[in-house]
Amino acid sequence: MKKSAAKKTARKPRADAQRNRERILGVAKLVFTRRGAEASMEEIARRAKIGPGTLYRHFPTRDDLLAAVYIGEVEKLAEAQRKFSSELPSIEALRAWMLVFIDYIAAKKIIAPALNAMTCGPSQVYQQTTRVMEEAANALARRAIASRDLRPDVDPMDMLRAIYGISSAGSTDDWPEKARRFVDILIQGSRPQ
C-alpha cells in the first residue's frame, strides 16, 4: 500500500544559506544605492563573497533581488512594530516606530529609482508592502487608543502621510532630522485633550 503524499512543509533554510541571503541583500542595497538599477549582479556576488551561482539560486533575476531588498526594508518595519509593542508603553512604541519609518523612507528614496526600472514595474512590490506598513501602523495606533494615549479619531496613515510629505518637500539632506522633530509634534497633537 502506498503512503499518501504528506503535505510539504516549508523547511527552514540552512544557517549558511540564510547568512548568504542576508549578506547578498545587504550588499545589494549598497550596490544598488551607488550604481542604480544597472548594478552588476556579478559585482554584487563578488562583494558578497559568494559565487554567481549562489546569487542566482537565491535571486534568479535582478528584479527578484531588487524586490527582495525593498521588501526587506518593509519587513524591518513589521519587526520593529512587534518589538516595540512588546517592550514599550503604547505611545512610546508608536513614536519609536515612526522614527524607524523615517529610516525606511530614506532607504526607499535611495532604492526607488532602481525599483522604477524593474521590468514589470514596482507597483506589485509596493502593493504587497503597503499592507505590511498599514497593519503595523494600525496595530500601534489601536494600542495607543486603547490606553487612551491617542485620540480615537486619529488615522495613523494620515500621520505617516504627513511624515512622508516632509521627505518629499524637503529637498535638503536634513529632511530626516526635520521629520524626527515632526514626529513629536504629530504625537502631541494627536493626544487626548
N, C-alpha and C. Protein backbone atom coordinates (compact mmCIF):
# COMPACT_ATOMS: atom_id res chain seq x y z
N MET A 1 0.83 -1.17 0.00
CA MET A 1 0.00 0.00 0.00
C MET A 1 0.89 1.24 0.00
N LYS A 2 0.56 2.16 -0.87
CA LYS A 2 1.34 3.39 -0.97
C LYS A 2 0.93 4.37 0.10
N LYS A 3 1.91 5.07 0.60
CA LYS A 3 1.61 6.13 1.56
C LYS A 3 1.03 7.31 0.80
N SER A 4 0.05 7.96 1.41
CA SER A 4 -0.47 9.16 0.76
C SER A 4 0.56 10.26 0.88
N ALA A 5 0.57 11.11 -0.10
CA ALA A 5 1.55 12.20 -0.11
C ALA A 5 1.25 13.16 1.03
N ALA A 6 2.22 13.32 1.89
CA ALA A 6 2.07 14.26 3.01
C ALA A 6 2.25 15.68 2.48
N LYS A 7 1.61 16.60 3.17
CA LYS A 7 1.78 18.00 2.79
C LYS A 7 3.24 18.36 2.93
N LYS A 8 3.72 19.06 1.94
CA LYS A 8 5.09 19.55 2.04
C LYS A 8 5.09 20.78 2.93
N THR A 9 5.97 20.77 3.89
CA THR A 9 6.11 21.93 4.74
C THR A 9 7.38 22.65 4.35
N ALA A 10 7.32 23.95 4.42
CA ALA A 10 8.49 24.74 4.08
C ALA A 10 9.55 24.51 5.13
N ARG A 11 10.69 24.07 4.66
CA ARG A 11 11.80 23.86 5.58
C ARG A 11 12.48 25.18 5.86
N LYS A 12 12.96 25.30 7.05
CA LYS A 12 13.73 26.47 7.41
C LYS A 12 15.06 26.38 6.67
N PRO A 13 15.50 27.48 6.05
CA PRO A 13 16.77 27.41 5.32
C PRO A 13 17.93 27.11 6.26
N ARG A 14 18.92 26.44 5.71
CA ARG A 14 20.12 26.17 6.49
C ARG A 14 20.73 27.49 6.95
N ALA A 15 21.45 27.43 8.04
CA ALA A 15 22.04 28.65 8.61
C ALA A 15 22.98 29.33 7.62
N ASP A 16 23.80 28.56 6.91
CA ASP A 16 24.72 29.18 5.95
C ASP A 16 23.97 29.79 4.78
N ALA A 17 22.89 29.16 4.34
CA ALA A 17 22.09 29.71 3.25
C ALA A 17 21.41 31.01 3.70
N GLN A 18 20.94 31.04 4.93
CA GLN A 18 20.31 32.26 5.45
C GLN A 18 21.33 33.39 5.58
N ARG A 19 22.53 33.05 6.04
CA ARG A 19 23.59 34.07 6.15
C ARG A 19 23.94 34.60 4.76
N ASN A 20 24.05 33.70 3.77
CA ASN A 20 24.34 34.13 2.40
C ASN A 20 23.27 35.09 1.90
N ARG A 21 22.01 34.73 2.12
CA ARG A 21 20.89 35.57 1.67
C ARG A 21 20.96 36.95 2.32
N GLU A 22 21.18 37.00 3.62
CA GLU A 22 21.25 38.28 4.32
C GLU A 22 22.43 39.11 3.82
N ARG A 23 23.57 38.45 3.60
CA ARG A 23 24.75 39.17 3.10
C ARG A 23 24.48 39.71 1.70
N ILE A 24 23.84 38.89 0.85
CA ILE A 24 23.51 39.34 -0.51
C ILE A 24 22.61 40.57 -0.45
N LEU A 25 21.58 40.53 0.39
CA LEU A 25 20.65 41.66 0.48
C LEU A 25 21.34 42.92 0.98
N GLY A 26 22.22 42.79 1.97
CA GLY A 26 22.94 43.95 2.48
C GLY A 26 23.86 44.56 1.43
N VAL A 27 24.59 43.70 0.74
CA VAL A 27 25.50 44.17 -0.31
C VAL A 27 24.70 44.76 -1.47
N ALA A 28 23.62 44.09 -1.85
CA ALA A 28 22.81 44.57 -2.98
C ALA A 28 22.25 45.96 -2.69
N LYS A 29 21.81 46.19 -1.47
CA LYS A 29 21.28 47.51 -1.13
C LYS A 29 22.36 48.57 -1.33
N LEU A 30 23.57 48.28 -0.87
CA LEU A 30 24.66 49.24 -1.04
C LEU A 30 25.01 49.45 -2.51
N VAL A 31 25.08 48.37 -3.27
CA VAL A 31 25.46 48.48 -4.69
C VAL A 31 24.37 49.17 -5.49
N PHE A 32 23.11 48.82 -5.25
CA PHE A 32 22.01 49.50 -5.96
C PHE A 32 21.97 50.98 -5.60
N THR A 33 22.32 51.30 -4.36
CA THR A 33 22.35 52.70 -3.93
C THR A 33 23.41 53.46 -4.70
N ARG A 34 24.55 52.85 -4.89
CA ARG A 34 25.67 53.53 -5.57
C ARG A 34 25.54 53.52 -7.08
N ARG A 35 25.07 52.41 -7.63
CA ARG A 35 25.11 52.24 -9.09
C ARG A 35 23.74 52.28 -9.77
N GLY A 36 22.67 52.22 -8.99
CA GLY A 36 21.34 52.25 -9.58
C GLY A 36 20.92 50.87 -10.07
N ALA A 37 19.87 50.85 -10.88
CA ALA A 37 19.26 49.60 -11.34
C ALA A 37 20.19 48.79 -12.23
N GLU A 38 21.16 49.44 -12.82
CA GLU A 38 22.06 48.74 -13.73
C GLU A 38 23.26 48.11 -13.03
N ALA A 39 23.23 48.08 -11.72
CA ALA A 39 24.32 47.47 -10.96
C ALA A 39 24.54 46.04 -11.44
N SER A 40 25.76 45.65 -11.51
CA SER A 40 26.13 44.32 -11.99
C SER A 40 25.84 43.25 -10.94
N MET A 41 25.14 42.22 -11.37
CA MET A 41 24.87 41.09 -10.47
C MET A 41 26.19 40.43 -10.08
N GLU A 42 27.15 40.41 -11.00
CA GLU A 42 28.45 39.81 -10.71
C GLU A 42 29.18 40.61 -9.63
N GLU A 43 29.06 41.94 -9.69
CA GLU A 43 29.68 42.77 -8.66
C GLU A 43 29.04 42.49 -7.29
N ILE A 44 27.74 42.33 -7.28
CA ILE A 44 27.05 42.03 -6.03
C ILE A 44 27.53 40.70 -5.47
N ALA A 45 27.64 39.69 -6.33
CA ALA A 45 28.12 38.37 -5.88
C ALA A 45 29.55 38.48 -5.35
N ARG A 46 30.41 39.19 -6.09
CA ARG A 46 31.81 39.33 -5.68
C ARG A 46 31.91 40.04 -4.33
N ARG A 47 31.17 41.14 -4.16
CA ARG A 47 31.23 41.89 -2.90
C ARG A 47 30.62 41.11 -1.74
N ALA A 48 29.65 40.24 -2.04
CA ALA A 48 29.04 39.41 -1.00
C ALA A 48 29.90 38.18 -0.70
N LYS A 49 30.97 38.01 -1.47
CA LYS A 49 31.91 36.89 -1.31
C LYS A 49 31.22 35.54 -1.50
N ILE A 50 30.43 35.49 -2.57
CA ILE A 50 29.77 34.25 -2.97
C ILE A 50 29.94 34.09 -4.47
N GLY A 51 29.67 32.90 -4.96
CA GLY A 51 29.72 32.68 -6.39
C GLY A 51 28.44 33.16 -7.06
N PRO A 52 28.53 33.46 -8.37
CA PRO A 52 27.33 33.88 -9.10
C PRO A 52 26.20 32.85 -9.02
N GLY A 53 26.55 31.57 -8.98
CA GLY A 53 25.52 30.53 -8.89
C GLY A 53 24.70 30.65 -7.61
N THR A 54 25.39 30.96 -6.51
CA THR A 54 24.69 31.14 -5.24
C THR A 54 23.75 32.34 -5.31
N LEU A 55 24.22 33.42 -5.92
CA LEU A 55 23.38 34.61 -6.06
C LEU A 55 22.12 34.28 -6.88
N TYR A 56 22.32 33.63 -8.03
CA TYR A 56 21.18 33.34 -8.90
C TYR A 56 20.27 32.25 -8.33
N ARG A 57 20.79 31.41 -7.47
CA ARG A 57 19.95 30.42 -6.80
C ARG A 57 18.98 31.11 -5.84
N HIS A 58 19.45 32.14 -5.16
CA HIS A 58 18.60 32.91 -4.25
C HIS A 58 17.70 33.89 -5.02
N PHE A 59 18.28 34.53 -6.04
CA PHE A 59 17.57 35.59 -6.77
C PHE A 59 17.81 35.38 -8.27
N PRO A 60 16.91 34.67 -8.95
CA PRO A 60 17.12 34.34 -10.36
C PRO A 60 17.25 35.56 -11.29
N THR A 61 16.64 36.71 -10.92
CA THR A 61 16.72 37.89 -11.77
C THR A 61 17.07 39.12 -10.94
N ARG A 62 17.48 40.15 -11.62
CA ARG A 62 17.78 41.43 -10.97
C ARG A 62 16.51 41.97 -10.30
N ASP A 63 15.37 41.82 -10.98
CA ASP A 63 14.11 42.29 -10.40
C ASP A 63 13.78 41.55 -9.10
N ASP A 64 14.06 40.25 -9.06
CA ASP A 64 13.84 39.48 -7.83
C ASP A 64 14.69 40.04 -6.69
N LEU A 65 15.93 40.37 -7.01
CA LEU A 65 16.83 40.91 -5.99
C LEU A 65 16.40 42.31 -5.55
N LEU A 66 16.04 43.16 -6.50
CA LEU A 66 15.55 44.50 -6.16
C LEU A 66 14.33 44.43 -5.25
N ALA A 67 13.38 43.58 -5.63
CA ALA A 67 12.16 43.43 -4.83
C ALA A 67 12.50 42.93 -3.43
N ALA A 68 13.40 41.98 -3.33
CA ALA A 68 13.77 41.43 -2.01
C ALA A 68 14.44 42.48 -1.14
N VAL A 69 15.27 43.33 -1.72
CA VAL A 69 15.92 44.39 -0.95
C VAL A 69 14.85 45.33 -0.39
N TYR A 70 13.91 45.73 -1.23
CA TYR A 70 12.86 46.63 -0.78
C TYR A 70 11.95 45.98 0.26
N ILE A 71 11.55 44.76 -0.01
CA ILE A 71 10.69 44.03 0.93
C ILE A 71 11.39 43.87 2.28
N GLY A 72 12.71 43.67 2.25
CA GLY A 72 13.49 43.57 3.49
C GLY A 72 13.40 44.85 4.32
N GLU A 73 13.39 45.99 3.64
CA GLU A 73 13.25 47.26 4.36
C GLU A 73 11.88 47.36 5.02
N VAL A 74 10.84 46.90 4.32
CA VAL A 74 9.49 46.94 4.88
C VAL A 74 9.36 45.94 6.02
N GLU A 75 10.00 44.79 5.89
CA GLU A 75 9.94 43.80 6.97
C GLU A 75 10.56 44.34 8.25
N LYS A 76 11.53 45.23 8.11
CA LYS A 76 12.12 45.86 9.31
C LYS A 76 11.05 46.66 10.06
N LEU A 77 10.12 47.26 9.31
CA LEU A 77 9.02 47.99 9.96
C LEU A 77 8.13 47.04 10.76
N ALA A 78 7.81 45.90 10.17
CA ALA A 78 6.96 44.92 10.86
C ALA A 78 7.66 44.38 12.10
N GLU A 79 8.96 44.08 11.97
CA GLU A 79 9.72 43.59 13.13
C GLU A 79 9.78 44.64 14.23
N ALA A 80 9.99 45.89 13.83
CA ALA A 80 10.05 46.97 14.82
C ALA A 80 8.72 47.12 15.54
N GLN A 81 7.62 46.99 14.81
CA GLN A 81 6.30 47.10 15.44
C GLN A 81 6.13 46.03 16.51
N ARG A 82 6.48 44.80 16.19
CA ARG A 82 6.34 43.71 17.17
C ARG A 82 7.24 43.94 18.38
N LYS A 83 8.47 44.34 18.12
CA LYS A 83 9.43 44.56 19.21
C LYS A 83 8.98 45.69 20.12
N PHE A 84 8.64 46.83 19.52
CA PHE A 84 8.25 47.99 20.32
C PHE A 84 6.95 47.72 21.08
N SER A 85 6.02 47.01 20.46
CA SER A 85 4.75 46.71 21.13
C SER A 85 4.97 45.86 22.38
N SER A 86 5.96 44.98 22.32
CA SER A 86 6.20 44.10 23.46
C SER A 86 7.08 44.74 24.54
N GLU A 87 7.83 45.79 24.18
CA GLU A 87 8.80 46.35 25.11
C GLU A 87 8.48 47.74 25.64
N LEU A 88 7.63 48.49 24.94
CA LEU A 88 7.43 49.89 25.30
C LEU A 88 5.97 50.21 25.59
N PRO A 89 5.73 51.23 26.40
CA PRO A 89 4.35 51.71 26.56
C PRO A 89 3.82 52.15 25.18
N SER A 90 2.51 52.15 25.03
CA SER A 90 1.89 52.31 23.72
C SER A 90 2.32 53.56 22.96
N ILE A 91 2.31 54.71 23.59
CA ILE A 91 2.64 55.93 22.86
C ILE A 91 4.13 55.99 22.52
N GLU A 92 4.96 55.45 23.40
CA GLU A 92 6.40 55.38 23.12
C GLU A 92 6.68 54.40 21.98
N ALA A 93 5.92 53.31 21.93
CA ALA A 93 6.07 52.33 20.85
C ALA A 93 5.71 52.97 19.51
N LEU A 94 4.63 53.73 19.49
CA LEU A 94 4.22 54.42 18.26
C LEU A 94 5.29 55.41 17.82
N ARG A 95 5.80 56.18 18.76
CA ARG A 95 6.84 57.17 18.44
C ARG A 95 8.11 56.48 17.91
N ALA A 96 8.56 55.45 18.60
CA ALA A 96 9.77 54.74 18.17
C ALA A 96 9.59 54.16 16.77
N TRP A 97 8.40 53.61 16.50
CA TRP A 97 8.15 53.02 15.19
C TRP A 97 8.13 54.09 14.10
N MET A 98 7.58 55.24 14.40
CA MET A 98 7.55 56.32 13.41
C MET A 98 8.97 56.78 13.06
N LEU A 99 9.87 56.71 14.03
CA LEU A 99 11.27 57.05 13.75
C LEU A 99 11.90 56.01 12.83
N VAL A 100 11.54 54.75 13.01
CA VAL A 100 12.02 53.70 12.10
C VAL A 100 11.40 53.91 10.71
N PHE A 101 10.16 54.39 10.66
CA PHE A 101 9.51 54.69 9.39
C PHE A 101 10.30 55.75 8.62
N ILE A 102 10.86 56.71 9.31
CA ILE A 102 11.69 57.73 8.65
C ILE A 102 12.92 57.07 8.02
N ASP A 103 13.53 56.12 8.72
CA ASP A 103 14.67 55.39 8.14
C ASP A 103 14.25 54.62 6.90
N TYR A 104 13.05 54.04 6.95
CA TYR A 104 12.52 53.32 5.79
C TYR A 104 12.36 54.27 4.60
N ILE A 105 11.81 55.46 4.84
CA ILE A 105 11.64 56.42 3.75
C ILE A 105 12.99 56.78 3.14
N ALA A 106 13.99 56.98 4.00
CA ALA A 106 15.33 57.30 3.50
C ALA A 106 15.85 56.18 2.61
N ALA A 107 15.66 54.93 3.03
CA ALA A 107 16.11 53.80 2.21
C ALA A 107 15.32 53.72 0.92
N LYS A 108 14.01 53.96 1.00
CA LYS A 108 13.17 53.91 -0.20
C LYS A 108 13.58 54.97 -1.21
N LYS A 109 13.90 56.17 -0.73
CA LYS A 109 14.31 57.24 -1.64
C LYS A 109 15.59 56.84 -2.40
N ILE A 110 16.43 56.07 -1.76
CA ILE A 110 17.68 55.65 -2.39
C ILE A 110 17.42 54.56 -3.43
N ILE A 111 16.57 53.61 -3.10
CA ILE A 111 16.38 52.46 -3.98
C ILE A 111 15.23 52.64 -4.98
N ALA A 112 14.39 53.66 -4.79
CA ALA A 112 13.23 53.86 -5.67
C ALA A 112 13.61 53.97 -7.16
N PRO A 113 14.66 54.70 -7.52
CA PRO A 113 14.99 54.76 -8.95
C PRO A 113 15.28 53.37 -9.55
N ALA A 114 15.93 52.52 -8.76
CA ALA A 114 16.19 51.16 -9.25
C ALA A 114 14.88 50.37 -9.33
N LEU A 115 14.00 50.52 -8.34
CA LEU A 115 12.72 49.82 -8.37
C LEU A 115 11.89 50.26 -9.57
N ASN A 116 11.93 51.55 -9.88
CA ASN A 116 11.16 52.05 -11.02
C ASN A 116 11.66 51.50 -12.35
N ALA A 117 12.88 51.00 -12.38
CA ALA A 117 13.43 50.42 -13.60
C ALA A 117 13.12 48.93 -13.74
N MET A 118 12.41 48.36 -12.76
CA MET A 118 12.07 46.95 -12.85
C MET A 118 11.25 46.68 -14.11
N THR A 119 11.46 45.52 -14.72
CA THR A 119 10.79 45.15 -15.95
C THR A 119 9.27 45.23 -15.82
N CYS A 120 8.73 44.69 -14.75
CA CYS A 120 7.27 44.68 -14.56
C CYS A 120 6.80 45.90 -13.79
N GLY A 121 7.70 46.82 -13.46
CA GLY A 121 7.33 47.99 -12.68
C GLY A 121 7.24 47.66 -11.21
N PRO A 122 7.28 48.67 -10.37
CA PRO A 122 7.30 48.44 -8.92
C PRO A 122 5.93 48.29 -8.27
N SER A 123 4.85 48.47 -9.03
CA SER A 123 3.53 48.53 -8.40
C SER A 123 3.18 47.27 -7.63
N GLN A 124 3.55 46.11 -8.15
CA GLN A 124 3.24 44.86 -7.45
C GLN A 124 3.98 44.78 -6.11
N VAL A 125 5.23 45.21 -6.11
CA VAL A 125 6.02 45.21 -4.87
C VAL A 125 5.44 46.21 -3.88
N TYR A 126 5.09 47.40 -4.37
CA TYR A 126 4.52 48.42 -3.49
C TYR A 126 3.20 47.96 -2.88
N GLN A 127 2.34 47.31 -3.68
CA GLN A 127 1.06 46.82 -3.16
C GLN A 127 1.27 45.83 -2.02
N GLN A 128 2.21 44.93 -2.22
CA GLN A 128 2.50 43.90 -1.22
C GLN A 128 3.00 44.53 0.08
N THR A 129 3.83 45.54 -0.03
CA THR A 129 4.46 46.10 1.15
C THR A 129 3.61 47.17 1.84
N THR A 130 2.72 47.83 1.10
CA THR A 130 1.86 48.83 1.71
C THR A 130 1.00 48.20 2.80
N ARG A 131 0.51 47.01 2.55
CA ARG A 131 -0.32 46.30 3.53
C ARG A 131 0.46 46.08 4.83
N VAL A 132 1.73 45.71 4.73
CA VAL A 132 2.55 45.46 5.92
C VAL A 132 2.69 46.74 6.74
N MET A 133 2.94 47.87 6.05
CA MET A 133 3.07 49.14 6.76
C MET A 133 1.76 49.54 7.43
N GLU A 134 0.66 49.40 6.71
CA GLU A 134 -0.64 49.77 7.27
C GLU A 134 -0.97 48.92 8.50
N GLU A 135 -0.72 47.62 8.42
CA GLU A 135 -1.01 46.75 9.55
C GLU A 135 -0.19 47.13 10.78
N ALA A 136 1.08 47.44 10.57
CA ALA A 136 1.95 47.82 11.69
C ALA A 136 1.48 49.13 12.31
N ALA A 137 1.23 50.13 11.47
CA ALA A 137 0.79 51.44 11.98
C ALA A 137 -0.55 51.33 12.70
N ASN A 138 -1.48 50.57 12.12
CA ASN A 138 -2.80 50.42 12.74
C ASN A 138 -2.73 49.68 14.07
N ALA A 139 -1.88 48.66 14.15
CA ALA A 139 -1.74 47.92 15.41
C ALA A 139 -1.21 48.82 16.52
N LEU A 140 -0.22 49.63 16.19
CA LEU A 140 0.33 50.55 17.19
C LEU A 140 -0.69 51.61 17.59
N ALA A 141 -1.42 52.14 16.63
CA ALA A 141 -2.42 53.16 16.92
C ALA A 141 -3.56 52.59 17.77
N ARG A 142 -4.03 51.39 17.42
CA ARG A 142 -5.11 50.77 18.22
C ARG A 142 -4.68 50.61 19.67
N ARG A 143 -3.45 50.20 19.87
CA ARG A 143 -2.93 50.01 21.22
C ARG A 143 -2.87 51.36 21.96
N ALA A 144 -2.43 52.40 21.27
CA ALA A 144 -2.34 53.73 21.89
C ALA A 144 -3.73 54.29 22.16
N ILE A 145 -4.68 54.02 21.30
CA ILE A 145 -6.06 54.46 21.53
C ILE A 145 -6.65 53.72 22.72
N ALA A 146 -6.41 52.42 22.79
CA ALA A 146 -6.93 51.61 23.90
C ALA A 146 -6.38 52.08 25.25
N SER A 147 -5.14 52.55 25.26
CA SER A 147 -4.55 53.04 26.51
C SER A 147 -4.86 54.51 26.76
N ARG A 148 -5.64 55.08 25.87
CA ARG A 148 -6.06 56.50 25.95
C ARG A 148 -4.88 57.46 25.82
N ASP A 149 -3.85 57.01 25.12
CA ASP A 149 -2.72 57.89 24.83
C ASP A 149 -2.87 58.60 23.49
N LEU A 150 -3.87 58.17 22.71
CA LEU A 150 -4.11 58.71 21.38
C LEU A 150 -5.61 58.88 21.21
N ARG A 151 -6.01 59.98 20.58
CA ARG A 151 -7.44 60.20 20.34
C ARG A 151 -7.99 59.12 19.40
N PRO A 152 -9.23 58.71 19.59
CA PRO A 152 -9.80 57.65 18.74
C PRO A 152 -10.03 58.08 17.30
N ASP A 153 -10.06 59.38 17.02
CA ASP A 153 -10.29 59.83 15.64
C ASP A 153 -9.01 59.96 14.83
N VAL A 154 -7.88 59.61 15.41
CA VAL A 154 -6.59 59.73 14.71
C VAL A 154 -6.44 58.58 13.72
N ASP A 155 -6.12 58.93 12.49
CA ASP A 155 -5.83 57.93 11.46
C ASP A 155 -4.31 57.81 11.35
N PRO A 156 -3.75 56.66 11.72
CA PRO A 156 -2.28 56.54 11.68
C PRO A 156 -1.71 56.72 10.28
N MET A 157 -2.50 56.41 9.25
CA MET A 157 -1.99 56.60 7.90
C MET A 157 -1.84 58.08 7.58
N ASP A 158 -2.69 58.93 8.15
CA ASP A 158 -2.51 60.38 7.98
C ASP A 158 -1.19 60.83 8.60
N MET A 159 -0.85 60.24 9.73
CA MET A 159 0.41 60.58 10.38
C MET A 159 1.59 60.20 9.48
N LEU A 160 1.52 59.00 8.89
CA LEU A 160 2.60 58.56 8.01
C LEU A 160 2.67 59.41 6.75
N ARG A 161 1.51 59.79 6.22
CA ARG A 161 1.50 60.66 5.03
C ARG A 161 2.15 62.01 5.34
N ALA A 162 1.90 62.52 6.53
CA ALA A 162 2.50 63.80 6.93
C ALA A 162 4.02 63.68 6.98
N ILE A 163 4.50 62.60 7.55
CA ILE A 163 5.96 62.39 7.61
C ILE A 163 6.53 62.21 6.21
N TYR A 164 5.82 61.45 5.39
CA TYR A 164 6.28 61.24 4.01
C TYR A 164 6.30 62.56 3.25
N GLY A 165 5.33 63.42 3.55
CA GLY A 165 5.29 64.73 2.91
C GLY A 165 6.52 65.56 3.21
N ILE A 166 7.01 65.47 4.44
CA ILE A 166 8.24 66.20 4.79
C ILE A 166 9.41 65.68 3.97
N SER A 167 9.45 64.37 3.76
CA SER A 167 10.57 63.81 2.98
C SER A 167 10.48 64.23 1.53
N SER A 168 9.26 64.39 1.03
CA SER A 168 9.08 64.78 -0.38
C SER A 168 9.33 66.27 -0.57
N ALA A 169 8.86 67.08 0.37
CA ALA A 169 9.01 68.53 0.25
C ALA A 169 10.42 68.98 0.59
N GLY A 170 11.07 68.23 1.46
CA GLY A 170 12.41 68.61 1.89
C GLY A 170 13.46 68.12 0.92
N SER A 171 13.94 69.02 0.10
CA SER A 171 14.96 68.62 -0.87
C SER A 171 16.36 68.68 -0.26
N THR A 172 16.45 69.14 0.97
CA THR A 172 17.75 69.22 1.62
C THR A 172 18.07 67.90 2.32
N ASP A 173 19.33 67.71 2.59
CA ASP A 173 19.78 66.47 3.23
C ASP A 173 19.33 66.34 4.68
N ASP A 174 18.87 67.43 5.27
CA ASP A 174 18.48 67.37 6.69
C ASP A 174 17.00 67.04 6.89
N TRP A 175 16.30 66.59 5.83
CA TRP A 175 14.87 66.27 6.00
C TRP A 175 14.64 65.19 7.05
N PRO A 176 15.51 64.16 7.21
CA PRO A 176 15.23 63.17 8.26
C PRO A 176 15.22 63.79 9.66
N GLU A 177 16.12 64.74 9.90
CA GLU A 177 16.16 65.40 11.20
C GLU A 177 14.87 66.21 11.43
N LYS A 178 14.41 66.90 10.39
CA LYS A 178 13.16 67.66 10.49
C LYS A 178 11.97 66.72 10.70
N ALA A 179 11.98 65.59 10.01
CA ALA A 179 10.89 64.61 10.15
C ALA A 179 10.87 64.03 11.56
N ARG A 180 12.05 63.78 12.13
CA ARG A 180 12.10 63.25 13.51
C ARG A 180 11.50 64.24 14.50
N ARG A 181 11.79 65.52 14.31
CA ARG A 181 11.19 66.54 15.19
C ARG A 181 9.68 66.59 14.98
N PHE A 182 9.25 66.41 13.76
CA PHE A 182 7.83 66.49 13.43
C PHE A 182 7.04 65.34 14.05
N VAL A 183 7.69 64.18 14.26
CA VAL A 183 7.03 63.04 14.91
C VAL A 183 6.49 63.47 16.27
N ASP A 184 7.29 64.20 17.04
CA ASP A 184 6.84 64.64 18.36
C ASP A 184 5.66 65.61 18.26
N ILE A 185 5.68 66.46 17.24
CA ILE A 185 4.57 67.39 17.03
C ILE A 185 3.30 66.62 16.68
N LEU A 186 3.42 65.64 15.80
CA LEU A 186 2.26 64.82 15.41
C LEU A 186 1.68 64.09 16.61
N ILE A 187 2.54 63.49 17.39
CA ILE A 187 2.06 62.73 18.54
C ILE A 187 1.42 63.65 19.57
N GLN A 188 2.06 64.77 19.84
CA GLN A 188 1.48 65.70 20.81
C GLN A 188 0.12 66.20 20.34
N GLY A 189 0.00 66.49 19.05
CA GLY A 189 -1.27 66.97 18.52
C GLY A 189 -2.33 65.90 18.43
N SER A 190 -1.97 64.64 18.55
CA SER A 190 -2.90 63.53 18.45
C SER A 190 -3.31 62.96 19.80
N ARG A 191 -2.79 63.53 20.86
CA ARG A 191 -3.12 63.04 22.20
C ARG A 191 -4.46 63.61 22.64
N PRO A 192 -5.18 62.91 23.52
CA PRO A 192 -6.45 63.43 24.03
C PRO A 192 -6.22 64.73 24.77
N GLN A 193 -7.20 65.61 24.75
CA GLN A 193 -7.07 66.91 25.41
C GLN A 193 -7.31 66.78 26.90
